[in-house]
Amino acid sequence: MEQRTLIERLARHLAAGDPDRWQTKVEDAASLLALMKSPDEAMVDAGDTRIWQAMIDAALRERWSVAQAPHTAEPPAGTDEEGEIALPPGSVSDNRADWVHLHDRQEKPT
């Protein structure tokens, strides 16, 4: 039995309604993995975060080896801040405020 990469398995899962088009879900799968790179408190308590992050990085690199969807006429709108993950056109607007993330700790006076 063929062992598929994590990124391919996620893409195939995301395309469950249309399994022949799983390649179109590779970037969505990569986005999910990128979100998982920062562990939550329970994960930090359970193990070494450096190992977790290295494993996620390795899984993200695998997206270049899986079958990619044919390019559409519309190019991606941009990439994440590291320049690694292509963002679909609907995820990027002209409003720069969309990219600002405020944290409660920084907003409250000390």
C-alpha atoms as a PDB file:
ATOM      1  CA  MET A   1       0.000   0.000   0.000  1.00  0.00           C
ATOM      2  CA  GLU A   2       1.305   3.425  -0.970  1.00  0.00           C
ATOM      3  CA  GLN A   3       2.122   5.783   1.889  1.00  0.00           C
ATOM      4  CA  ARG A   4       0.863   9.238   0.956  1.00  0.00           C
ATOM      5  CA  THR A   5       2.324  12.421   2.407  1.00  0.00           C
ATOM      6  CA  LEU A   6       0.372  14.236   5.088  1.00  0.00           C
ATOM      7  CA  ILE A   7      -0.296  17.150   2.764  1.00  0.00           C
ATOM      8  CA  GLU A   8      -1.784  14.830   0.130  1.00  0.00           C
ATOM      9  CA  ARG A   9      -3.896  13.008   2.696  1.00  0.00           C
ATOM     10  CA  LEU A  10      -5.268  16.325   3.952  1.00  0.00           C
ATOM     11  CA  ALA A  11      -5.959  17.526   0.387  1.00  0.00           C
ATOM     12  CA  ARG A  12      -7.778  14.293  -0.421  1.00  0.00           C
ATOM     13  CA  HIS A  13      -9.834  14.630   2.761  1.00  0.00           C
ATOM     14  CA  LEU A  14     -10.745  18.230   1.911  1.00  0.00           C
ATOM     15  CA  ALA A  15     -11.827  17.096  -1.565  1.00  0.00           C
ATOM     16  CA  ALA A  16     -14.035  14.291  -0.277  1.00  0.00           C
ATOM     17  CA  GLY A  17     -17.023  15.652  -2.214  1.00  0.00           C
ATOM     18  CA  ASP A  18     -15.026  15.634  -5.474  1.00  0.00           C
ATOM     19  CA  PRO A  19     -12.155  13.142  -5.016  1.00  0.00           C
ATOM     20  CA  ASP A  20     -10.852  13.511  -8.582  1.00  0.00           C
ATOM     21  CA  ARG A  21      -9.994  17.148  -7.892  1.00  0.00           C
ATOM     22  CA  TRP A  22      -7.956  16.678  -4.708  1.00  0.00           C
ATOM     23  CA  GLN A  23      -5.024  18.548  -6.286  1.00  0.00           C
ATOM     24  CA  THR A  24      -7.058  21.745  -6.088  1.00  0.00           C
ATOM     25  CA  LYS A  25      -7.055  21.369  -2.296  1.00  0.00           C
ATOM     26  CA  VAL A  26      -3.268  21.115  -1.796  1.00  0.00           C
ATOM     27  CA  GLU A  27      -2.885  24.803  -0.924  1.00  0.00           C
ATOM     28  CA  ASP A  28      -5.863  24.631   1.453  1.00  0.00           C
ATOM     29  CA  ALA A  29      -4.195  21.676   3.155  1.00  0.00           C
ATOM     30  CA  ALA A  30      -0.924  23.644   3.371  1.00  0.00           C
ATOM     31  CA  SER A  31      -2.785  26.552   4.967  1.00  0.00           C
ATOM     32  CA  LEU A  32      -4.218  24.239   7.609  1.00  0.00           C
ATOM     33  CA  LEU A  33      -0.796  22.805   8.342  1.00  0.00           C
ATOM     34  CA  ALA A  34       0.690  26.284   8.621  1.00  0.00           C
ATOM     35  CA  LEU A  35      -1.959  27.133  11.227  1.00  0.00           C
ATOM     36  CA  MET A  36      -0.996  24.033  13.175  1.00  0.00           C
ATOM     37  CA  LYS A  37       2.677  25.016  13.325  1.00  0.00           C
ATOM     38  CA  SER A  38       2.137  27.082  16.474  1.00  0.00           C
ATOM     39  CA  PRO A  39       1.149  24.597  19.198  1.00  0.00           C
ATOM     40  CA  ASP A  40      -1.440  25.444  21.828  1.00  0.00           C
ATOM     41  CA  GLU A  41      -0.831  25.209  25.600  1.00  0.00           C
ATOM     42  CA  ALA A  42      -1.789  21.543  25.877  1.00  0.00           C
ATOM     43  CA  MET A  43       0.587  20.640  23.047  1.00  0.00           C
ATOM     44  CA  VAL A  44       3.430  22.656  24.590  1.00  0.00           C
ATOM     45  CA  ASP A  45       2.886  20.822  27.886  1.00  0.00           C
ATOM     46  CA  ALA A  46       2.970  17.456  26.081  1.00  0.00           C
ATOM     47  CA  GLY A  47       6.273  17.760  24.249  1.00  0.00           C
ATOM     48  CA  ASP A  48       9.098  19.576  22.514  1.00  0.00           C
ATOM     49  CA  THR A  49       7.712  22.391  20.346  1.00  0.00           C
ATOM     50  CA  ARG A  50      10.878  22.536  18.219  1.00  0.00           C
ATOM     51  CA  ILE A  51      10.297  18.961  17.080  1.00  0.00           C
ATOM     52  CA  TRP A  52       6.633  19.688  16.334  1.00  0.00           C
ATOM     53  CA  GLN A  53       7.494  22.776  14.300  1.00  0.00           C
ATOM     54  CA  ALA A  54      10.215  20.913  12.388  1.00  0.00           C
ATOM     55  CA  MET A  55       7.735  18.151  11.564  1.00  0.00           C
ATOM     56  CA  ILE A  56       5.157  20.678  10.286  1.00  0.00           C
ATOM     57  CA  ASP A  57       7.858  22.384   8.200  1.00  0.00           C
ATOM     58  CA  ALA A  58       8.770  19.014   6.677  1.00  0.00           C
ATOM     59  CA  ALA A  59       5.114  18.322   5.864  1.00  0.00           C
ATOM     60  CA  LEU A  60       4.746  21.765   4.265  1.00  0.00           C
ATOM     61  CA  ARG A  61       7.789  21.194   2.046  1.00  0.00           C
ATOM     62  CA  GLU A  62       6.140  18.021   0.721  1.00  0.00           C
ATOM     63  CA  ARG A  63       3.435  20.038  -1.028  1.00  0.00           C
ATOM     64  CA  TRP A  64       5.894  20.724  -3.857  1.00  0.00           C
ATOM     65  CA  SER A  65       6.220  16.997  -4.560  1.00  0.00           C
ATOM     66  CA  VAL A  66       2.501  16.193  -4.801  1.00  0.00           C
ATOM     67  CA  ALA A  67       0.531  16.697  -7.973  1.00  0.00           C
ATOM     68  CA  GLN A  68      -0.406  20.324  -8.333  1.00  0.00           C
ATOM     69  CA  ALA A  69      -3.653  21.511  -9.840  1.00  0.00           C
ATOM     70  CA  PRO A  70      -3.428  23.036 -13.294  1.00  0.00           C
ATOM     71  CA  HIS A  71      -2.927  26.788 -13.189  1.00  0.00           C
ATOM     72  CA  THR A  72      -6.021  28.870 -13.621  1.00  0.00           C
ATOM     73  CA  ALA A  73      -6.195  32.103 -15.563  1.00  0.00           C
ATOM     74  CA  GLU A  74      -6.275  34.073 -12.308  1.00  0.00           C
ATOM     75  CA  PRO A  75      -2.915  34.105 -10.471  1.00  0.00           C
ATOM     76  CA  PRO A  76      -2.741  33.833  -6.679  1.00  0.00           C
ATOM     77  CA  ALA A  77      -3.333  37.097  -4.845  1.00  0.00           C
ATOM     78  CA  GLY A  78      -0.133  36.808  -2.816  1.00  0.00           C
ATOM     79  CA  THR A  79       1.636  34.740  -0.207  1.00  0.00           C
ATOM     80  CA  ASP A  80       1.833  34.480   3.552  1.00  0.00           C
ATOM     81  CA  GLU A  81       4.360  36.633   5.417  1.00  0.00           C
ATOM     82  CA  GLU A  82       7.101  34.025   4.959  1.00  0.00           C
ATOM     83  CA  GLY A  83       6.383  33.872   1.233  1.00  0.00           C
ATOM     84  CA  GLU A  84       5.824  30.115   1.428  1.00  0.00           C
ATOM     85  CA  ILE A  85       2.070  29.636   1.085  1.00  0.00           C
ATOM     86  CA  ALA A  86       0.137  31.032  -1.862  1.00  0.00           C
ATOM     87  CA  LEU A  87      -3.024  32.796  -0.809  1.00  0.00           C
ATOM     88  CA  PRO A  88      -6.119  32.490  -2.997  1.00  0.00           C
ATOM     89  CA  PRO A  89      -7.471  35.744  -4.463  1.00  0.00           C
ATOM     90  CA  GLY A  90     -10.445  35.844  -2.065  1.00  0.00           C
ATOM     91  CA  SER A  91      -8.210  35.832   1.010  1.00  0.00           C
ATOM     92  CA  VAL A  92      -6.410  39.104   0.258  1.00  0.00           C
ATOM     93  CA  SER A  93      -8.205  42.440   0.050  1.00  0.00           C
ATOM     94  CA  ASP A  94      -7.004  45.958  -0.646  1.00  0.00           C
ATOM     95  CA  ASN A  95      -7.725  46.895   2.967  1.00  0.00           C
ATOM     96  CA  ARG A  96      -4.395  46.850   4.821  1.00  0.00           C
ATOM     97  CA  ALA A  97      -6.255  46.671   8.146  1.00  0.00           C
ATOM     98  CA  ASP A  98      -7.159  43.068   7.279  1.00  0.00           C
ATOM     99  CA  TRP A  99      -3.521  42.172   7.913  1.00  0.00           C
ATOM    100  CA  VAL A 100      -3.270  43.822  11.345  1.00  0.00           C
ATOM    101  CA  HIS A 101      -3.607  41.426  14.274  1.00  0.00           C
ATOM    102  CA  LEU A 102      -4.021  43.040  17.668  1.00  0.00           C
ATOM    103  CA  HIS A 103      -3.412  41.164  20.887  1.00  0.00           C
ATOM    104  CA  ASP A 104      -5.220  42.077  24.096  1.00  0.00           C
ATOM    105  CA  ARG A 105      -1.991  42.101  26.100  1.00  0.00           C
ATOM    106  CA  GLN A 106      -0.531  44.860  23.926  1.00  0.00           C
ATOM    107  CA  GLU A 107      -3.679  46.990  23.923  1.00  0.00           C
ATOM    108  CA  LYS A 108      -4.052  47.282  27.704  1.00  0.00           C
ATOM    109  CA  PRO A 109      -1.920  49.815  29.552  1.00  0.00           C
ATOM    110  CA  THR A 110       0.494  48.300  32.037  1.00  0.00           C
END
